[in-house]
Structure formats: structure tokens, C-alpha cells
Amino acid sequence: MKAVILNKNGKLEDGFTEQPKPKDNEVLIQIKASGFNPIDYQMLENELERKLISSPILGRELSGIIVGKGSEVTQFNIGDEVYCGSGSMGSNGTYAEYVAVPEAIVSFKPKNISFEQAASIPSAGLTSLQIFNRLKLNPENTILVTGAAGGVGSFLVKLLLAHNIRNITATVGSEENRQMLLNLGLKSHQIVNYRDENLIENILKANNNQPFEYGIDLVGNYMSEVTAEVLKINGTYVDVTALVTKDAHEILFNKGSLMMNISNYTYGMIKKYEYYKNSLLKIKELIENETILPPQHKLIGNLSLDTVLQAHSLLKNNQTQGHKLIMKH
């Protein structure tokens, strides 16, 4: 099968490899579309993420059609349209024509959206839903979301608004991203440009000059320090990036903050596969009854090295403009 492969020199290249064969508990999916995530290029650059590489074929989320299945598979049939976040649990990554994955992590695709839209959901959707479920928020809570125009941020904002949680302040870095959040339902006073001067002052002003109960940090590094600064005593810092600085850690410790780490990888480690299926089925339900809409997506190109490199560059340079980047297969 055709694939984009990581060679022995750590460089990506166009190539061909053997089509995977599903194990007894696996389905073979012909991939129709796949999504790109920051972790895709971070695996090539950062030591922590590099440890997650389980195949020379990268890529972690997909939609497609089941074309084969193992002897123990009971929930799917040939021809079923599905989507899933494969993470490191598949035979290979999603920069390929086919992947074999455990039946237990796969969900039927929402019926009312395209393969490209479905491929934009799993990573951001799973992460956002985990944040929402674990925080158990109520409408009175005050929440800061940094990097809110990204895949996770925009999906999370949709979830919060759909459940009438509206005391949200969000940071963005461009007028296009501000407009995107306005279109989702936030008000102008809730959106702060992190490039403006007096950032901490502006964030607090958006919250009636009060510190926040919850800081959901989707950016890390300097923004982890900003988030820590604007949290109230005993507030909750939600870490989605593993990029919290030493200074931010010190601030959070001195404030007695609760730190909540968000990781979809966790459930794969302990083979708690129902987390993936159940979460995707919940998202399927929300999309089919139009409680939330799928992310905005941008089709970068067909399965090829050029498409992958272009997508990685857009992610790395924060040029997605709030769109989920998609590759067609």
C-alpha cells in the first residue's frame, strides 16, 4: 500500500509497504480521510513525543470504510463507515491507504457529515470531551481557555456553550481567529488577543477583574505562566500540552492549585479501549442531533509527502486559522 514513511534518518518520504492484516479482534479500514495534529510534527522534534512513535508511519486519526475484519469482530460489517483516533494502537499510522485497529476503539461515523469532516473530529473531540467530563463544570464557573481557536479549543468552546456554560474567556492570536470564536457564539468582550500589551490585565478585565476558577491551557510555555497568574487560590489548572514551565509550576504550587493532566494516551496504556469508542459514540450523537457542529476543516491535498509537509508547516507556524487540516486518501 502507498504510505508516507519515516526513514532511518528520521525524515519522511513517499513509499510503499505491505498492507496490514487484521488480528482476530481488529478491523481493516480503507482510510478515506485523515487529520493532522501538532503531535505529528512534535514526534519528529521533541524527545517526550518521540517516545510515542510505534510505527514508521505517523498519523493518529481517520475516517474510512471497513474492508476486512478478524474472526472475533462482532460489532462491524464489511462496508461500514467508521471513524476513530488510532493513536499508537493501530498496525500503523494514518499516513497510509489502510490501517488495522482494535474493534474496541472504533465508532460508526456520524451519518450527517462527510468523511473529511469525520476525520477532523477524533483527536480534538476526545480531548475536549475528556476535559469537559472530568471538570464537571456548572454555569457559574469562570473559565479561561488559551489557544481557543485551535482544534481542541474550538471544539471545547462548542461543548461548553451547548451545555449553557458561558463564563468563558478565550485567547487568540489573530483577527481571523477572533471572528471564528464570535461565529461560535462568544461575545467580543470574552476574547483577548494574546499579542496585545498588558495581557494578564486584559484577561482579568474580561472576567470582571476577578481571577479564574479554571484555566484550560492549550498552548503551554509562556501561556502556562499567564494562566497560572490569573488563576484564583486553589483554582484548577488543566494541562493539555505537557509544556508547563518551571516558573508556572512554582506559581501553581504557591497558589495551592489543582493540576489536571489531560491525555488520551493514558487509556491506550491500560487498554481501556471503551473510553475511545464510548467518547466517539457520544460525539456522534451530539453531531447527529446537531447539538454541536463538526470542526471547520481545510483539505490540504491527497495522500503524499508534499501534503504531509505542508500540513506540518501550517501547524508549526500556527497558520491553520482555526481550521482542522485534512488529507484525502
C-alpha atoms as a PDB file:
ATOM      1  CA  MET A   1       0.000   0.000   0.000  1.00  0.00           C
ATOM      2  CA  LYS A   2       1.023   3.595  -0.537  1.00  0.00           C
ATOM      3  CA  ALA A   3       2.222   5.444   2.575  1.00  0.00           C
ATOM      4  CA  VAL A   4       4.321   8.359   3.832  1.00  0.00           C
ATOM      5  CA  ILE A   5       7.081   6.680   5.817  1.00  0.00           C
ATOM      6  CA  LEU A   6       9.636   7.839   8.387  1.00  0.00           C
ATOM      7  CA  ASN A   7      13.015   6.556   7.170  1.00  0.00           C
ATOM      8  CA  LYS A   8      16.032   5.512   9.243  1.00  0.00           C
ATOM      9  CA  ASN A   9      17.428   9.037   9.042  1.00  0.00           C
ATOM     10  CA  GLY A  10      14.336  10.450  10.722  1.00  0.00           C
ATOM     11  CA  LYS A  11      12.992  12.010   7.513  1.00  0.00           C
ATOM     12  CA  LEU A  12       9.596  11.484   5.935  1.00  0.00           C
ATOM     13  CA  GLU A  13       9.384  10.113   2.395  1.00  0.00           C
ATOM     14  CA  ASP A  14       6.833   8.712  -0.060  1.00  0.00           C
ATOM     15  CA  GLY A  15       6.909   4.923  -0.102  1.00  0.00           C
ATOM     16  CA  PHE A  16       5.096   1.597  -0.246  1.00  0.00           C
ATOM     17  CA  THR A  17       4.688  -1.069   2.395  1.00  0.00           C
ATOM     18  CA  GLU A  18       2.716  -4.261   2.939  1.00  0.00           C
ATOM     19  CA  GLN A  19      -0.997  -3.879   3.591  1.00  0.00           C
ATOM     20  CA  PRO A  20      -1.742  -4.837   7.219  1.00  0.00           C
ATOM     21  CA  LYS A  21      -3.729  -7.944   8.064  1.00  0.00           C
ATOM     22  CA  PRO A  22      -6.289  -7.586  10.871  1.00  0.00           C
ATOM     23  CA  LYS A  23      -5.809  -9.670  14.016  1.00  0.00           C
ATOM     24  CA  ASP A  24      -8.746 -11.620  15.447  1.00  0.00           C
ATOM     25  CA  ASN A  25     -10.062  -8.564  17.362  1.00  0.00           C
ATOM     26  CA  GLU A  26      -9.269  -5.977  14.674  1.00  0.00           C
ATOM     27  CA  VAL A  27     -10.937  -4.369  11.676  1.00  0.00           C
ATOM     28  CA  LEU A  28      -9.116  -3.368   8.494  1.00  0.00           C
ATOM     29  CA  ILE A  29     -10.081   0.147   7.420  1.00  0.00           C
ATOM     30  CA  GLN A  30      -9.568   1.656   4.000  1.00  0.00           C
ATOM     31  CA  ILE A  31      -8.795   5.224   5.002  1.00  0.00           C
ATOM     32  CA  LYS A  32     -10.825   7.883   3.200  1.00  0.00           C
ATOM     33  CA  ALA A  33      -9.502  10.911   5.114  1.00  0.00           C
ATOM     34  CA  SER A  34      -7.090  11.603   7.948  1.00  0.00           C
ATOM     35  CA  GLY A  35      -6.432  14.557  10.229  1.00  0.00           C
ATOM     36  CA  PHE A  36      -3.231  16.297  11.259  1.00  0.00           C
ATOM     37  CA  ASN A  37      -2.274  17.213  14.832  1.00  0.00           C
ATOM     38  CA  PRO A  38       0.623  19.154  16.391  1.00  0.00           C
ATOM     39  CA  ILE A  39       1.901  15.908  17.898  1.00  0.00           C
ATOM     40  CA  ASP A  40       2.586  14.692  14.343  1.00  0.00           C
ATOM     41  CA  TYR A  41       5.475  17.115  13.846  1.00  0.00           C
ATOM     42  CA  GLN A  42       6.350  17.205  17.555  1.00  0.00           C
ATOM     43  CA  MET A  43       7.160  13.469  17.380  1.00  0.00           C
ATOM     44  CA  LEU A  44       9.892  14.370  14.903  1.00  0.00           C
ATOM     45  CA  GLU A  45      11.345  17.121  17.094  1.00  0.00           C
ATOM     46  CA  ASN A  46      10.635  16.540  20.793  1.00  0.00           C
ATOM     47  CA  GLU A  47      12.009  13.754  22.951  1.00  0.00           C
ATOM     48  CA  LEU A  48       8.831  13.287  25.002  1.00  0.00           C
ATOM     49  CA  GLU A  49       6.574  12.905  21.956  1.00  0.00           C
ATOM     50  CA  ARG A  50       9.172  10.829  20.081  1.00  0.00           C
ATOM     51  CA  LYS A  51       8.612   8.088  22.642  1.00  0.00           C
ATOM     52  CA  LEU A  52       5.065   7.693  21.295  1.00  0.00           C
ATOM     53  CA  ILE A  53       6.233   6.608  17.843  1.00  0.00           C
ATOM     54  CA  SER A  54       5.144   2.994  17.394  1.00  0.00           C
ATOM     55  CA  SER A  55       5.371   2.789  13.605  1.00  0.00           C
ATOM     56  CA  PRO A  56       7.402   4.443  10.831  1.00  0.00           C
ATOM     57  CA  ILE A  57       4.016   5.633   9.510  1.00  0.00           C
ATOM     58  CA  LEU A  58       2.726   8.574  11.555  1.00  0.00           C
ATOM     59  CA  GLY A  59      -0.815   9.969  11.884  1.00  0.00           C
ATOM     60  CA  ARG A  60      -3.413   9.397  14.598  1.00  0.00           C
ATOM     61  CA  GLU A  61      -6.997   9.936  13.402  1.00  0.00           C
ATOM     62  CA  LEU A  62      -9.060   8.822  10.441  1.00  0.00           C
ATOM     63  CA  SER A  63     -12.360   8.065   8.824  1.00  0.00           C
ATOM     64  CA  GLY A  64     -12.947   5.285   6.337  1.00  0.00           C
ATOM     65  CA  ILE A  65     -14.690   2.082   5.324  1.00  0.00           C
ATOM     66  CA  ILE A  66     -14.248  -1.359   6.866  1.00  0.00           C
ATOM     67  CA  VAL A  67     -12.901  -3.731   4.208  1.00  0.00           C
ATOM     68  CA  GLY A  68     -11.798  -6.653   6.393  1.00  0.00           C
ATOM     69  CA  LYS A  69     -12.218  -7.994   9.919  1.00  0.00           C
ATOM     70  CA  GLY A  70     -10.852 -10.597  12.302  1.00  0.00           C
ATOM     71  CA  SER A  71     -12.693 -13.705  13.436  1.00  0.00           C
ATOM     72  CA  GLU A  72     -13.704 -12.222  16.817  1.00  0.00           C
ATOM     73  CA  VAL A  73     -15.148  -8.957  15.469  1.00  0.00           C
ATOM     74  CA  THR A  74     -18.903  -8.761  16.139  1.00  0.00           C
ATOM     75  CA  GLN A  75     -19.942  -5.092  16.007  1.00  0.00           C
ATOM     76  CA  PHE A  76     -18.974  -4.180  12.443  1.00  0.00           C
ATOM     77  CA  ASN A  77     -19.505  -5.498   8.925  1.00  0.00           C
ATOM     78  CA  ILE A  78     -17.694  -5.013   5.633  1.00  0.00           C
ATOM     79  CA  GLY A  79     -18.758  -1.676   4.140  1.00  0.00           C
ATOM     80  CA  ASP A  80     -19.486   0.096   7.447  1.00  0.00           C
ATOM     81  CA  GLU A  81     -18.442   3.756   7.523  1.00  0.00           C
ATOM     82  CA  VAL A  82     -16.405   4.473  10.657  1.00  0.00           C
ATOM     83  CA  TYR A  83     -14.066   6.935  12.341  1.00  0.00           C
ATOM     84  CA  CYS A  84     -11.534   6.619  15.121  1.00  0.00           C
ATOM     85  CA  GLY A  85      -8.492   8.014  16.866  1.00  0.00           C
ATOM     86  CA  SER A  86      -5.947   5.279  16.356  1.00  0.00           C
ATOM     87  CA  GLY A  87      -3.155   6.847  18.418  1.00  0.00           C
ATOM     88  CA  SER A  88      -0.442   4.227  18.798  1.00  0.00           C
ATOM     89  CA  MET A  89      -2.911   1.364  18.895  1.00  0.00           C
ATOM     90  CA  GLY A  90      -3.089   0.531  15.199  1.00  0.00           C
ATOM     91  CA  SER A  91      -0.945  -1.600  12.915  1.00  0.00           C
ATOM     92  CA  ASN A  92       0.482   1.652  11.567  1.00  0.00           C
ATOM     93  CA  GLY A  93      -0.372   5.349  11.477  1.00  0.00           C
ATOM     94  CA  THR A  94      -2.856   7.052   9.197  1.00  0.00           C
ATOM     95  CA  TYR A  95      -0.488   8.432   6.537  1.00  0.00           C
ATOM     96  CA  ALA A  96      -1.351   5.307   4.535  1.00  0.00           C
ATOM     97  CA  GLU A  97      -4.094   3.701   2.465  1.00  0.00           C
ATOM     98  CA  TYR A  98      -5.063   1.128   5.124  1.00  0.00           C
ATOM     99  CA  VAL A  99      -4.828   0.583   8.875  1.00  0.00           C
ATOM    100  CA  ALA A 100      -5.821  -2.308  11.154  1.00  0.00           C
ATOM    101  CA  VAL A 101      -7.104  -1.267  14.590  1.00  0.00           C
ATOM    102  CA  PRO A 102      -8.874  -2.950  17.519  1.00  0.00           C
ATOM    103  CA  GLU A 103     -12.624  -3.103  17.023  1.00  0.00           C
ATOM    104  CA  ALA A 104     -12.935  -1.722  20.558  1.00  0.00           C
ATOM    105  CA  ILE A 105     -11.669   1.774  19.641  1.00  0.00           C
ATOM    106  CA  VAL A 106     -13.807   2.265  16.511  1.00  0.00           C
ATOM    107  CA  SER A 107     -17.132   4.078  16.175  1.00  0.00           C
ATOM    108  CA  PHE A 108     -19.655   4.375  13.376  1.00  0.00           C
ATOM    109  CA  LYS A 109     -19.218   7.689  11.565  1.00  0.00           C
ATOM    110  CA  PRO A 110     -21.884  10.363  12.151  1.00  0.00           C
ATOM    111  CA  LYS A 111     -24.361   9.860   9.317  1.00  0.00           C
ATOM    112  CA  ASN A 112     -24.889  13.536   8.527  1.00  0.00           C
ATOM    113  CA  ILE A 113     -21.269  14.527   7.780  1.00  0.00           C
ATOM    114  CA  SER A 114     -18.590  13.712   5.191  1.00  0.00           C
ATOM    115  CA  PHE A 115     -15.501  11.541   5.622  1.00  0.00           C
ATOM    116  CA  GLU A 116     -13.387  14.714   5.666  1.00  0.00           C
ATOM    117  CA  GLN A 117     -15.484  16.232   8.444  1.00  0.00           C
ATOM    118  CA  ALA A 118     -15.414  12.978  10.411  1.00  0.00           C
ATOM    119  CA  ALA A 119     -11.613  12.761  10.191  1.00  0.00           C
ATOM    120  CA  SER A 120     -11.381  16.201  11.772  1.00  0.00           C
ATOM    121  CA  ILE A 121     -13.050  15.044  14.979  1.00  0.00           C
ATOM    122  CA  PRO A 122     -11.310  12.214  16.895  1.00  0.00           C
ATOM    123  CA  SER A 123      -8.207  13.793  18.481  1.00  0.00           C
ATOM    124  CA  ALA A 124      -9.746  17.187  19.251  1.00  0.00           C
ATOM    125  CA  GLY A 125     -13.094  15.645  20.128  1.00  0.00           C
ATOM    126  CA  LEU A 126     -11.697  13.039  22.525  1.00  0.00           C
ATOM    127  CA  THR A 127      -9.503  15.609  24.262  1.00  0.00           C
ATOM    128  CA  SER A 128     -12.278  18.193  24.557  1.00  0.00           C
ATOM    129  CA  LEU A 129     -14.817  15.686  25.836  1.00  0.00           C
ATOM    130  CA  GLN A 130     -12.324  14.386  28.420  1.00  0.00           C
ATOM    131  CA  ILE A 131     -11.742  17.940  29.683  1.00  0.00           C
ATOM    132  CA  PHE A 132     -15.484  18.599  29.852  1.00  0.00           C
ATOM    133  CA  ASN A 133     -16.312  15.321  31.603  1.00  0.00           C
ATOM    134  CA  ARG A 134     -13.528  15.489  34.154  1.00  0.00           C
ATOM    135  CA  LEU A 135     -14.089  19.114  35.175  1.00  0.00           C
ATOM    136  CA  LYS A 136     -17.837  18.684  35.847  1.00  0.00           C
ATOM    137  CA  LEU A 137     -18.426  22.387  35.264  1.00  0.00           C
ATOM    138  CA  ASN A 138     -21.551  24.373  36.067  1.00  0.00           C
ATOM    139  CA  PRO A 139     -22.820  27.644  34.542  1.00  0.00           C
ATOM    140  CA  GLU A 140     -21.454  29.748  37.430  1.00  0.00           C
ATOM    141  CA  ASN A 141     -17.835  28.678  36.916  1.00  0.00           C
ATOM    142  CA  THR A 142     -15.316  31.104  35.385  1.00  0.00           C
ATOM    143  CA  ILE A 143     -13.077  29.552  32.755  1.00  0.00           C
ATOM    144  CA  LEU A 144     -10.041  30.692  30.772  1.00  0.00           C
ATOM    145  CA  VAL A 145      -9.238  28.800  27.571  1.00  0.00           C
ATOM    146  CA  THR A 146      -5.879  29.644  25.967  1.00  0.00           C
ATOM    147  CA  GLY A 147      -5.415  28.919  22.268  1.00  0.00           C
ATOM    148  CA  ALA A 148      -9.176  28.657  21.945  1.00  0.00           C
ATOM    149  CA  ALA A 149      -9.239  28.858  18.148  1.00  0.00           C
ATOM    150  CA  GLY A 150      -7.317  25.597  17.681  1.00  0.00           C
ATOM    151  CA  GLY A 151      -8.872  22.186  17.129  1.00  0.00           C
ATOM    152  CA  VAL A 152      -9.302  21.305  20.810  1.00  0.00           C
ATOM    153  CA  GLY A 153     -10.180  24.850  21.855  1.00  0.00           C
ATOM    154  CA  SER A 154     -12.917  25.441  19.305  1.00  0.00           C
ATOM    155  CA  PHE A 155     -14.456  22.007  19.924  1.00  0.00           C
ATOM    156  CA  LEU A 156     -14.361  22.622  23.684  1.00  0.00           C
ATOM    157  CA  VAL A 157     -15.997  26.040  23.310  1.00  0.00           C
ATOM    158  CA  LYS A 158     -18.809  24.382  21.321  1.00  0.00           C
ATOM    159  CA  LEU A 159     -19.285  21.789  24.076  1.00  0.00           C
ATOM    160  CA  LEU A 160     -19.345  24.422  26.819  1.00  0.00           C
ATOM    161  CA  LEU A 161     -21.828  26.669  25.033  1.00  0.00           C
ATOM    162  CA  ALA A 162     -24.048  23.688  24.162  1.00  0.00           C
ATOM    163  CA  HIS A 163     -24.295  22.937  27.906  1.00  0.00           C
ATOM    164  CA  ASN A 164     -25.041  26.578  28.815  1.00  0.00           C
ATOM    165  CA  ILE A 165     -21.599  27.215  30.318  1.00  0.00           C
ATOM    166  CA  ARG A 166     -20.865  30.770  29.198  1.00  0.00           C
ATOM    167  CA  ASN A 167     -18.471  32.413  31.678  1.00  0.00           C
ATOM    168  CA  ILE A 168     -15.625  31.806  29.245  1.00  0.00           C
ATOM    169  CA  THR A 169     -12.647  33.992  28.413  1.00  0.00           C
ATOM    170  CA  ALA A 170     -10.624  32.879  25.397  1.00  0.00           C
ATOM    171  CA  THR A 171      -7.261  33.916  23.967  1.00  0.00           C
ATOM    172  CA  VAL A 172      -6.495  34.098  20.247  1.00  0.00           C
ATOM    173  CA  GLY A 173      -3.667  35.472  18.132  1.00  0.00           C
ATOM    174  CA  SER A 174      -5.371  36.954  15.103  1.00  0.00           C
ATOM    175  CA  GLU A 175      -8.457  38.805  13.912  1.00  0.00           C
ATOM    176  CA  GLU A 176      -9.473  35.757  11.824  1.00  0.00           C
ATOM    177  CA  ASN A 177      -9.459  33.568  14.928  1.00  0.00           C
ATOM    178  CA  ARG A 178     -11.358  36.175  16.922  1.00  0.00           C
ATOM    179  CA  GLN A 179     -14.029  36.226  14.230  1.00  0.00           C
ATOM    180  CA  MET A 180     -14.209  32.436  14.270  1.00  0.00           C
ATOM    181  CA  LEU A 181     -14.947  32.422  18.020  1.00  0.00           C
ATOM    182  CA  LEU A 182     -17.562  35.147  17.542  1.00  0.00           C
ATOM    183  CA  ASN A 183     -19.217  32.891  14.976  1.00  0.00           C
ATOM    184  CA  LEU A 184     -19.222  30.043  17.519  1.00  0.00           C
ATOM    185  CA  GLY A 185     -21.159  32.220  19.980  1.00  0.00           C
ATOM    186  CA  LEU A 186     -18.651  34.014  22.209  1.00  0.00           C
ATOM    187  CA  LYS A 187     -19.043  37.776  22.706  1.00  0.00           C
ATOM    188  CA  SER A 188     -16.362  40.284  21.779  1.00  0.00           C
ATOM    189  CA  HIS A 189     -15.515  41.111  25.421  1.00  0.00           C
ATOM    190  CA  GLN A 190     -14.789  37.420  26.080  1.00  0.00           C
ATOM    191  CA  ILE A 191     -11.977  37.237  23.520  1.00  0.00           C
ATOM    192  CA  VAL A 192      -8.464  38.530  24.257  1.00  0.00           C
ATOM    193  CA  ASN A 193      -5.610  38.793  21.739  1.00  0.00           C
ATOM    194  CA  TYR A 194      -2.521  37.386  23.413  1.00  0.00           C
ATOM    195  CA  ARG A 195      -0.303  39.591  21.223  1.00  0.00           C
ATOM    196  CA  ASP A 196      -1.636  42.800  22.778  1.00  0.00           C
ATOM    197  CA  GLU A 197       0.187  44.576  25.607  1.00  0.00           C
ATOM    198  CA  ASN A 198      -0.897  44.075  29.235  1.00  0.00           C
ATOM    199  CA  LEU A 199      -2.080  40.534  28.514  1.00  0.00           C
ATOM    200  CA  ILE A 200      -2.670  39.492  32.127  1.00  0.00           C
ATOM    201  CA  GLU A 201      -4.527  42.726  32.844  1.00  0.00           C
ATOM    202  CA  ASN A 202      -6.682  42.261  29.726  1.00  0.00           C
ATOM    203  CA  ILE A 203      -7.538  38.658  30.617  1.00  0.00           C
ATOM    204  CA  LEU A 204      -8.599  39.607  34.148  1.00  0.00           C
ATOM    205  CA  LYS A 205     -10.591  42.584  32.833  1.00  0.00           C
ATOM    206  CA  ALA A 206     -12.558  40.183  30.619  1.00  0.00           C
ATOM    207  CA  ASN A 207     -13.530  38.333  33.812  1.00  0.00           C
ATOM    208  CA  ASN A 208     -14.702  41.427  35.720  1.00  0.00           C
ATOM    209  CA  ASN A 209     -11.192  41.854  37.159  1.00  0.00           C
ATOM    210  CA  GLN A 210     -11.510  38.585  39.041  1.00  0.00           C
ATOM    211  CA  PRO A 211      -9.181  35.538  38.916  1.00  0.00           C
ATOM    212  CA  PHE A 212     -10.471  32.366  37.285  1.00  0.00           C
ATOM    213  CA  GLU A 213     -11.613  29.128  38.877  1.00  0.00           C
ATOM    214  CA  TYR A 214     -10.394  27.095  35.878  1.00  0.00           C
ATOM    215  CA  GLY A 215      -7.535  27.667  33.461  1.00  0.00           C
ATOM    216  CA  ILE A 216      -7.544  25.314  30.464  1.00  0.00           C
ATOM    217  CA  ASP A 217      -4.132  25.771  28.849  1.00  0.00           C
ATOM    218  CA  LEU A 218      -3.895  24.547  25.267  1.00  0.00           C
ATOM    219  CA  VAL A 219      -0.684  26.447  24.484  1.00  0.00           C
ATOM    220  CA  GLY A 220       1.886  25.917  27.244  1.00  0.00           C
ATOM    221  CA  ASN A 221       5.281  27.626  27.646  1.00  0.00           C
ATOM    222  CA  TYR A 222       4.761  31.356  28.360  1.00  0.00           C
ATOM    223  CA  MET A 223       0.988  30.956  28.329  1.00  0.00           C
ATOM    224  CA  SER A 224       1.274  28.420  31.143  1.00  0.00           C
ATOM    225  CA  GLU A 225       2.718  31.238  33.280  1.00  0.00           C
ATOM    226  CA  VAL A 226      -0.030  33.641  32.228  1.00  0.00           C
ATOM    227  CA  THR A 227      -2.681  31.030  33.038  1.00  0.00           C
ATOM    228  CA  ALA A 228      -1.112  30.362  36.436  1.00  0.00           C
ATOM    229  CA  GLU A 229      -1.020  34.093  37.216  1.00  0.00           C
ATOM    230  CA  VAL A 230      -4.744  34.621  36.557  1.00  0.00           C
ATOM    231  CA  LEU A 231      -5.960  31.556  38.487  1.00  0.00           C
ATOM    232  CA  LYS A 232      -7.503  32.102  41.897  1.00  0.00           C
ATOM    233  CA  ILE A 233      -6.136  30.432  45.025  1.00  0.00           C
ATOM    234  CA  ASN A 234      -6.959  26.702  44.922  1.00  0.00           C
ATOM    235  CA  GLY A 235      -8.053  27.042  41.303  1.00  0.00           C
ATOM    236  CA  THR A 236      -7.677  24.260  38.737  1.00  0.00           C
ATOM    237  CA  TYR A 237      -5.034  24.322  36.015  1.00  0.00           C
ATOM    238  CA  VAL A 238      -5.785  21.940  33.137  1.00  0.00           C
ATOM    239  CA  ASP A 239      -2.620  20.885  31.304  1.00  0.00           C
ATOM    240  CA  VAL A 240      -3.144  19.571  27.795  1.00  0.00           C
ATOM    241  CA  THR A 241       0.341  20.209  26.411  1.00  0.00           C
ATOM    242  CA  ALA A 242       2.948  18.967  28.944  1.00  0.00           C
ATOM    243  CA  LEU A 243       4.703  22.302  28.270  1.00  0.00           C
ATOM    244  CA  VAL A 244       4.294  23.899  31.709  1.00  0.00           C
ATOM    245  CA  THR A 245       7.346  25.998  32.593  1.00  0.00           C
ATOM    246  CA  LYS A 246       9.260  25.861  35.864  1.00  0.00           C
ATOM    247  CA  ASP A 247       8.012  29.341  36.770  1.00  0.00           C
ATOM    248  CA  ALA A 248       4.413  28.313  36.116  1.00  0.00           C
ATOM    249  CA  HIS A 249       4.853  25.234  38.321  1.00  0.00           C
ATOM    250  CA  GLU A 250       6.111  27.452  41.137  1.00  0.00           C
ATOM    251  CA  ILE A 251       3.164  29.847  40.841  1.00  0.00           C
ATOM    252  CA  LEU A 252       0.695  26.960  40.784  1.00  0.00           C
ATOM    253  CA  PHE A 253       2.304  25.313  43.816  1.00  0.00           C
ATOM    254  CA  ASN A 254       2.258  28.573  45.799  1.00  0.00           C
ATOM    255  CA  LYS A 255      -1.429  29.044  44.962  1.00  0.00           C
ATOM    256  CA  GLY A 256      -2.273  25.507  46.036  1.00  0.00           C
ATOM    257  CA  SER A 257      -3.680  24.838  42.572  1.00  0.00           C
ATOM    258  CA  LEU A 258      -5.033  21.510  41.447  1.00  0.00           C
ATOM    259  CA  MET A 259      -3.238  20.374  38.280  1.00  0.00           C
ATOM    260  CA  MET A 260      -5.253  18.143  35.978  1.00  0.00           C
ATOM    261  CA  ASN A 261      -3.326  16.387  33.197  1.00  0.00           C
ATOM    262  CA  ILE A 262      -5.292  15.522  30.071  1.00  0.00           C
ATOM    263  CA  SER A 263      -4.037  12.615  27.966  1.00  0.00           C
ATOM    264  CA  ASN A 264      -5.878  10.307  25.600  1.00  0.00           C
ATOM    265  CA  TYR A 265      -2.742   8.150  25.503  1.00  0.00           C
ATOM    266  CA  THR A 266      -3.452   7.107  29.105  1.00  0.00           C
ATOM    267  CA  TYR A 267      -6.333   4.826  28.173  1.00  0.00           C
ATOM    268  CA  GLY A 268      -4.341   3.079  25.479  1.00  0.00           C
ATOM    269  CA  MET A 269      -1.591   2.347  28.026  1.00  0.00           C
ATOM    270  CA  ILE A 270      -4.014   0.404  30.206  1.00  0.00           C
ATOM    271  CA  LYS A 271      -6.009  -0.941  27.234  1.00  0.00           C
ATOM    272  CA  LYS A 272      -9.197   0.739  28.458  1.00  0.00           C
ATOM    273  CA  TYR A 273     -10.460   0.843  24.900  1.00  0.00           C
ATOM    274  CA  GLU A 274     -14.080   1.542  25.790  1.00  0.00           C
ATOM    275  CA  TYR A 275     -13.008   5.137  26.538  1.00  0.00           C
ATOM    276  CA  TYR A 276     -12.332   5.724  22.832  1.00  0.00           C
ATOM    277  CA  LYS A 277     -15.436   4.019  21.479  1.00  0.00           C
ATOM    278  CA  ASN A 278     -17.825   5.480  24.065  1.00  0.00           C
ATOM    279  CA  SER A 279     -16.458   9.003  23.662  1.00  0.00           C
ATOM    280  CA  LEU A 280     -16.709   8.854  19.863  1.00  0.00           C
ATOM    281  CA  LEU A 281     -20.250   7.456  20.081  1.00  0.00           C
ATOM    282  CA  LYS A 282     -21.195  10.366  22.374  1.00  0.00           C
ATOM    283  CA  ILE A 283     -19.719  12.854  19.900  1.00  0.00           C
ATOM    284  CA  LYS A 284     -21.560  11.060  17.058  1.00  0.00           C
ATOM    285  CA  GLU A 285     -24.818  11.547  18.964  1.00  0.00           C
ATOM    286  CA  LEU A 286     -24.106  15.257  19.612  1.00  0.00           C
ATOM    287  CA  ILE A 287     -23.345  15.866  15.938  1.00  0.00           C
ATOM    288  CA  GLU A 288     -26.272  13.859  14.568  1.00  0.00           C
ATOM    289  CA  ASN A 289     -28.767  15.720  16.757  1.00  0.00           C
ATOM    290  CA  GLU A 290     -26.958  18.993  15.874  1.00  0.00           C
ATOM    291  CA  THR A 291     -26.146  19.897  19.485  1.00  0.00           C
ATOM    292  CA  ILE A 292     -22.670  20.690  18.143  1.00  0.00           C
ATOM    293  CA  LEU A 293     -21.204  21.029  14.668  1.00  0.00           C
ATOM    294  CA  PRO A 294     -18.004  19.315  13.449  1.00  0.00           C
ATOM    295  CA  PRO A 295     -14.851  21.453  13.336  1.00  0.00           C
ATOM    296  CA  GLN A 296     -14.149  23.709  10.388  1.00  0.00           C
ATOM    297  CA  HIS A 297     -11.709  21.832   8.183  1.00  0.00           C
ATOM    298  CA  LYS A 298      -9.318  22.616   5.355  1.00  0.00           C
ATOM    299  CA  LEU A 299      -8.394  19.982   2.775  1.00  0.00           C
ATOM    300  CA  ILE A 300      -4.628  20.234   2.213  1.00  0.00           C
ATOM    301  CA  GLY A 301      -4.277  17.573  -0.502  1.00  0.00           C
ATOM    302  CA  ASN A 302      -4.176  13.880  -1.264  1.00  0.00           C
ATOM    303  CA  LEU A 303      -2.028  11.226   0.439  1.00  0.00           C
ATOM    304  CA  SER A 304       1.564  12.305  -0.289  1.00  0.00           C
ATOM    305  CA  LEU A 305       4.743  13.612   1.306  1.00  0.00           C
ATOM    306  CA  ASP A 306       4.026  17.105  -0.046  1.00  0.00           C
ATOM    307  CA  THR A 307       0.650  17.182   1.692  1.00  0.00           C
ATOM    308  CA  VAL A 308       2.134  15.987   4.991  1.00  0.00           C
ATOM    309  CA  LEU A 309       4.979  18.505   4.960  1.00  0.00           C
ATOM    310  CA  GLN A 310       2.637  21.361   4.100  1.00  0.00           C
ATOM    311  CA  ALA A 311       0.287  20.418   6.948  1.00  0.00           C
ATOM    312  CA  HIS A 312       3.144  20.112   9.432  1.00  0.00           C
ATOM    313  CA  SER A 313       4.425  23.556   8.431  1.00  0.00           C
ATOM    314  CA  LEU A 314       0.992  25.166   8.853  1.00  0.00           C
ATOM    315  CA  LEU A 315       0.600  23.599  12.303  1.00  0.00           C
ATOM    316  CA  LYS A 316       4.089  24.511  13.441  1.00  0.00           C
ATOM    317  CA  ASN A 317       3.696  28.138  12.377  1.00  0.00           C
ATOM    318  CA  ASN A 318       0.176  28.492  13.795  1.00  0.00           C
ATOM    319  CA  GLN A 319      -1.311  29.207  10.362  1.00  0.00           C
ATOM    320  CA  THR A 320      -4.380  26.969  10.461  1.00  0.00           C
ATOM    321  CA  GLN A 321      -6.741  29.921  11.078  1.00  0.00           C
ATOM    322  CA  GLY A 322      -8.937  27.737  13.248  1.00  0.00           C
ATOM    323  CA  HIS A 323      -9.312  25.010  10.643  1.00  0.00           C
ATOM    324  CA  LYS A 324      -8.602  21.327  11.146  1.00  0.00           C
ATOM    325  CA  LEU A 325      -6.147  20.209   8.454  1.00  0.00           C
ATOM    326  CA  ILE A 326      -7.255  17.145   6.479  1.00  0.00           C
ATOM    327  CA  MET A 327      -5.632  14.787   3.972  1.00  0.00           C
ATOM    328  CA  LYS A 328      -7.782  12.902   1.460  1.00  0.00           C
ATOM    329  CA  HIS A 329      -6.919   9.277   0.646  1.00  0.00           C
END
